[in-house]
Amino acid sequence: QGQPVESGGGSVQAGGSLRLSCAAFGYTISSYCMAWFRQAPGKAREGVAAISADGSTIYADSVKGRFTISKDNTKNTLALQMNSLKPEDTAMYYCADAGVGRCWTIPKFVRDLRYWGQGTQVTVSS
């Protein structure tokens, strides 16, 4: 049973940056699409970004140009660099494994995921 573990969340002022990391335990990420999704209280779950096994990426329109997803297959880790943060980026961020090699959309629902973590909180103040 695999387990992604997120870290790097915190509180930052608008315009600031944070880097989230995800360490995968019990499985290797190199062959699979990995993704970040977020959930804020009272808001719909949102797929943020995904990176497929071949390195191709997908971003939500709301974060395009500000966030960058990357992975290090040698370290078995996933990252999300978040720049120019806005208050509306405040949410719990989750790392997830789609269980397939290529993502054509950003997976966010349990039916589309193989593993997901416990989440890390990001709070952006204005």
C-alpha atoms as a PDB file:
ATOM      1  CA  GLN A   1       0.000   0.000   0.000  1.00  0.00           C
ATOM      2  CA  GLY A   2       1.496   3.288  -1.098  1.00  0.00           C
ATOM      3  CA  GLN A   3       1.388   6.476   0.889  1.00  0.00           C
ATOM      4  CA  PRO A   4       2.200   9.984  -0.302  1.00  0.00           C
ATOM      5  CA  VAL A   5       3.222  12.391   2.472  1.00  0.00           C
ATOM      6  CA  GLU A   6       2.973  16.130   1.906  1.00  0.00           C
ATOM      7  CA  SER A   7       5.017  18.881   3.525  1.00  0.00           C
ATOM      8  CA  GLY A   8       5.834  22.532   3.019  1.00  0.00           C
ATOM      9  CA  GLY A   9       2.526  24.201   3.710  1.00  0.00           C
ATOM     10  CA  GLY A  10       2.253  27.301   5.827  1.00  0.00           C
ATOM     11  CA  SER A  11       1.064  30.883   6.029  1.00  0.00           C
ATOM     12  CA  VAL A  12       2.221  33.564   3.637  1.00  0.00           C
ATOM     13  CA  GLN A  13       1.132  37.009   2.535  1.00  0.00           C
ATOM     14  CA  ALA A  14      -0.355  37.607  -0.871  1.00  0.00           C
ATOM     15  CA  GLY A  15       2.335  37.784  -3.501  1.00  0.00           C
ATOM     16  CA  GLY A  16       4.567  35.393  -1.623  1.00  0.00           C
ATOM     17  CA  SER A  17       5.780  31.913  -2.504  1.00  0.00           C
ATOM     18  CA  LEU A  18       5.673  28.434  -1.046  1.00  0.00           C
ATOM     19  CA  ARG A  19       7.050  25.122  -2.194  1.00  0.00           C
ATOM     20  CA  LEU A  20       5.119  21.975  -1.397  1.00  0.00           C
ATOM     21  CA  SER A  21       6.802  18.586  -1.415  1.00  0.00           C
ATOM     22  CA  CYS A  22       5.421  15.083  -1.537  1.00  0.00           C
ATOM     23  CA  ALA A  23       7.399  11.988  -0.639  1.00  0.00           C
ATOM     24  CA  ALA A  24       6.031   8.698  -1.925  1.00  0.00           C
ATOM     25  CA  PHE A  25       6.397   5.646   0.299  1.00  0.00           C
ATOM     26  CA  GLY A  26       5.742   2.080  -0.710  1.00  0.00           C
ATOM     27  CA  TYR A  27       5.743   2.654  -4.443  1.00  0.00           C
ATOM     28  CA  THR A  28       7.692   4.455  -7.145  1.00  0.00           C
ATOM     29  CA  ILE A  29       6.284   7.473  -8.940  1.00  0.00           C
ATOM     30  CA  SER A  30       8.305   7.297 -12.129  1.00  0.00           C
ATOM     31  CA  SER A  31       5.719   5.256 -14.063  1.00  0.00           C
ATOM     32  CA  TYR A  32       2.640   7.136 -12.955  1.00  0.00           C
ATOM     33  CA  CYS A  33       0.818  10.397 -13.310  1.00  0.00           C
ATOM     34  CA  MET A  34       1.098  12.406 -10.100  1.00  0.00           C
ATOM     35  CA  ALA A  35      -1.098  15.342  -9.192  1.00  0.00           C
ATOM     36  CA  TRP A  36      -1.953  18.026  -6.677  1.00  0.00           C
ATOM     37  CA  PHE A  37      -5.504  18.917  -5.804  1.00  0.00           C
ATOM     38  CA  ARG A  38      -6.889  21.308  -3.190  1.00  0.00           C
ATOM     39  CA  GLN A  39      -9.928  21.654  -1.025  1.00  0.00           C
ATOM     40  CA  ALA A  40     -11.059  24.799   0.744  1.00  0.00           C
ATOM     41  CA  PRO A  41     -13.974  24.942   3.207  1.00  0.00           C
ATOM     42  CA  GLY A  42     -17.221  25.568   1.387  1.00  0.00           C
ATOM     43  CA  LYS A  43     -15.623  25.279  -2.027  1.00  0.00           C
ATOM     44  CA  ALA A  44     -15.516  22.543  -4.603  1.00  0.00           C
ATOM     45  CA  ARG A  45     -12.442  20.362  -4.774  1.00  0.00           C
ATOM     46  CA  GLU A  46     -10.111  21.649  -7.460  1.00  0.00           C
ATOM     47  CA  GLY A  47      -7.457  19.866  -9.447  1.00  0.00           C
ATOM     48  CA  VAL A  48      -4.366  22.098  -9.401  1.00  0.00           C
ATOM     49  CA  ALA A  49      -1.736  20.391 -11.534  1.00  0.00           C
ATOM     50  CA  ALA A  50      -0.680  17.008 -12.846  1.00  0.00           C
ATOM     51  CA  ILE A  51       2.504  15.578 -14.297  1.00  0.00           C
ATOM     52  CA  SER A  52       2.448  12.393 -16.297  1.00  0.00           C
ATOM     53  CA  ALA A  53       5.124   9.724 -16.460  1.00  0.00           C
ATOM     54  CA  ASP A  54       6.528  11.275 -19.626  1.00  0.00           C
ATOM     55  CA  GLY A  55       6.864  14.645 -17.900  1.00  0.00           C
ATOM     56  CA  SER A  56       3.966  16.354 -19.632  1.00  0.00           C
ATOM     57  CA  THR A  57       2.045  18.719 -17.380  1.00  0.00           C
ATOM     58  CA  ILE A  58      -1.470  20.091 -16.984  1.00  0.00           C
ATOM     59  CA  TYR A  59      -2.473  23.105 -14.912  1.00  0.00           C
ATOM     60  CA  ALA A  60      -5.746  24.563 -13.763  1.00  0.00           C
ATOM     61  CA  ASP A  61      -6.428  27.920 -15.395  1.00  0.00           C
ATOM     62  CA  SER A  62      -6.506  29.500 -11.947  1.00  0.00           C
ATOM     63  CA  VAL A  63      -2.836  28.674 -11.297  1.00  0.00           C
ATOM     64  CA  LYS A  64      -1.346  28.670 -14.770  1.00  0.00           C
ATOM     65  CA  GLY A  65       1.745  30.850 -14.944  1.00  0.00           C
ATOM     66  CA  ARG A  66       2.082  30.952 -11.146  1.00  0.00           C
ATOM     67  CA  PHE A  67       2.481  27.308 -10.096  1.00  0.00           C
ATOM     68  CA  THR A  68       4.958  24.736 -11.367  1.00  0.00           C
ATOM     69  CA  ILE A  69       4.685  21.002 -10.795  1.00  0.00           C
ATOM     70  CA  SER A  70       7.794  18.857 -10.980  1.00  0.00           C
ATOM     71  CA  LYS A  71       9.020  15.465  -9.918  1.00  0.00           C
ATOM     72  CA  ASP A  72      12.332  13.854  -9.073  1.00  0.00           C
ATOM     73  CA  ASN A  73      12.206  10.189  -9.962  1.00  0.00           C
ATOM     74  CA  THR A  74      15.558   9.503  -8.305  1.00  0.00           C
ATOM     75  CA  LYS A  75      14.258  10.825  -4.987  1.00  0.00           C
ATOM     76  CA  ASN A  76      10.720   9.573  -5.565  1.00  0.00           C
ATOM     77  CA  THR A  77       9.309  12.990  -4.773  1.00  0.00           C
ATOM     78  CA  LEU A  78       6.827  15.431  -6.243  1.00  0.00           C
ATOM     79  CA  ALA A  79       6.886  19.196  -5.797  1.00  0.00           C
ATOM     80  CA  LEU A  80       4.641  22.182  -6.370  1.00  0.00           C
ATOM     81  CA  GLN A  81       6.298  25.586  -6.571  1.00  0.00           C
ATOM     82  CA  MET A  82       3.702  28.254  -5.886  1.00  0.00           C
ATOM     83  CA  ASN A  83       4.512  31.866  -6.712  1.00  0.00           C
ATOM     84  CA  SER A  84       2.448  35.054  -6.655  1.00  0.00           C
ATOM     85  CA  LEU A  85       0.080  33.476  -4.172  1.00  0.00           C
ATOM     86  CA  LYS A  86      -3.398  34.912  -3.759  1.00  0.00           C
ATOM     87  CA  PRO A  87      -5.869  34.664  -0.869  1.00  0.00           C
ATOM     88  CA  GLU A  88      -8.042  32.441  -3.061  1.00  0.00           C
ATOM     89  CA  ASP A  89      -5.222  29.880  -3.106  1.00  0.00           C
ATOM     90  CA  THR A  90      -5.914  29.202   0.576  1.00  0.00           C
ATOM     91  CA  ALA A  91      -6.797  25.520   0.912  1.00  0.00           C
ATOM     92  CA  MET A  92      -5.644  22.108   2.020  1.00  0.00           C
ATOM     93  CA  TYR A  93      -3.359  20.754  -0.691  1.00  0.00           C
ATOM     94  CA  TYR A  94      -3.169  17.042  -1.404  1.00  0.00           C
ATOM     95  CA  CYS A  95      -0.642  14.979  -3.322  1.00  0.00           C
ATOM     96  CA  ALA A  96      -2.094  12.084  -5.283  1.00  0.00           C
ATOM     97  CA  ASP A  97      -1.223   9.219  -7.584  1.00  0.00           C
ATOM     98  CA  ALA A  98      -3.564   8.503 -10.479  1.00  0.00           C
ATOM     99  CA  GLY A  99      -2.419   4.931 -10.980  1.00  0.00           C
ATOM    100  CA  VAL A 100      -2.012   5.481 -14.720  1.00  0.00           C
ATOM    101  CA  GLY A 101       0.917   6.678 -16.756  1.00  0.00           C
ATOM    102  CA  ARG A 102      -0.782   9.560 -18.518  1.00  0.00           C
ATOM    103  CA  CYS A 103      -3.287  12.074 -17.217  1.00  0.00           C
ATOM    104  CA  TRP A 104      -5.454  13.873 -19.743  1.00  0.00           C
ATOM    105  CA  THR A 105      -7.192  15.876 -17.043  1.00  0.00           C
ATOM    106  CA  ILE A 106      -6.157  16.677 -13.474  1.00  0.00           C
ATOM    107  CA  PRO A 107      -7.469  13.897 -11.248  1.00  0.00           C
ATOM    108  CA  LYS A 108      -9.157  14.989  -8.044  1.00  0.00           C
ATOM    109  CA  PHE A 109     -11.858  12.516  -7.113  1.00  0.00           C
ATOM    110  CA  VAL A 110     -11.322   9.249  -5.298  1.00  0.00           C
ATOM    111  CA  ARG A 111     -12.528   7.240  -8.311  1.00  0.00           C
ATOM    112  CA  ASP A 112      -9.613   8.661 -10.336  1.00  0.00           C
ATOM    113  CA  LEU A 113      -6.936   8.175  -7.699  1.00  0.00           C
ATOM    114  CA  ARG A 114      -4.879   5.247  -6.471  1.00  0.00           C
ATOM    115  CA  TYR A 115      -3.205   6.898  -3.488  1.00  0.00           C
ATOM    116  CA  TRP A 116      -3.473  10.295  -1.814  1.00  0.00           C
ATOM    117  CA  GLY A 117      -1.962  11.960   1.214  1.00  0.00           C
ATOM    118  CA  GLN A 118      -3.305  13.623   4.338  1.00  0.00           C
ATOM    119  CA  GLY A 119      -2.789  17.104   2.979  1.00  0.00           C
ATOM    120  CA  THR A 120      -0.854  20.210   3.934  1.00  0.00           C
ATOM    121  CA  GLN A 121      -2.509  23.539   4.711  1.00  0.00           C
ATOM    122  CA  VAL A 122      -1.707  26.668   2.725  1.00  0.00           C
ATOM    123  CA  THR A 123      -3.017  29.981   4.008  1.00  0.00           C
ATOM    124  CA  VAL A 124      -2.558  33.210   2.063  1.00  0.00           C
ATOM    125  CA  SER A 125      -3.441  36.474   3.760  1.00  0.00           C
ATOM    126  CA  SER A 126      -4.223  39.718   1.983  1.00  0.00           C
END
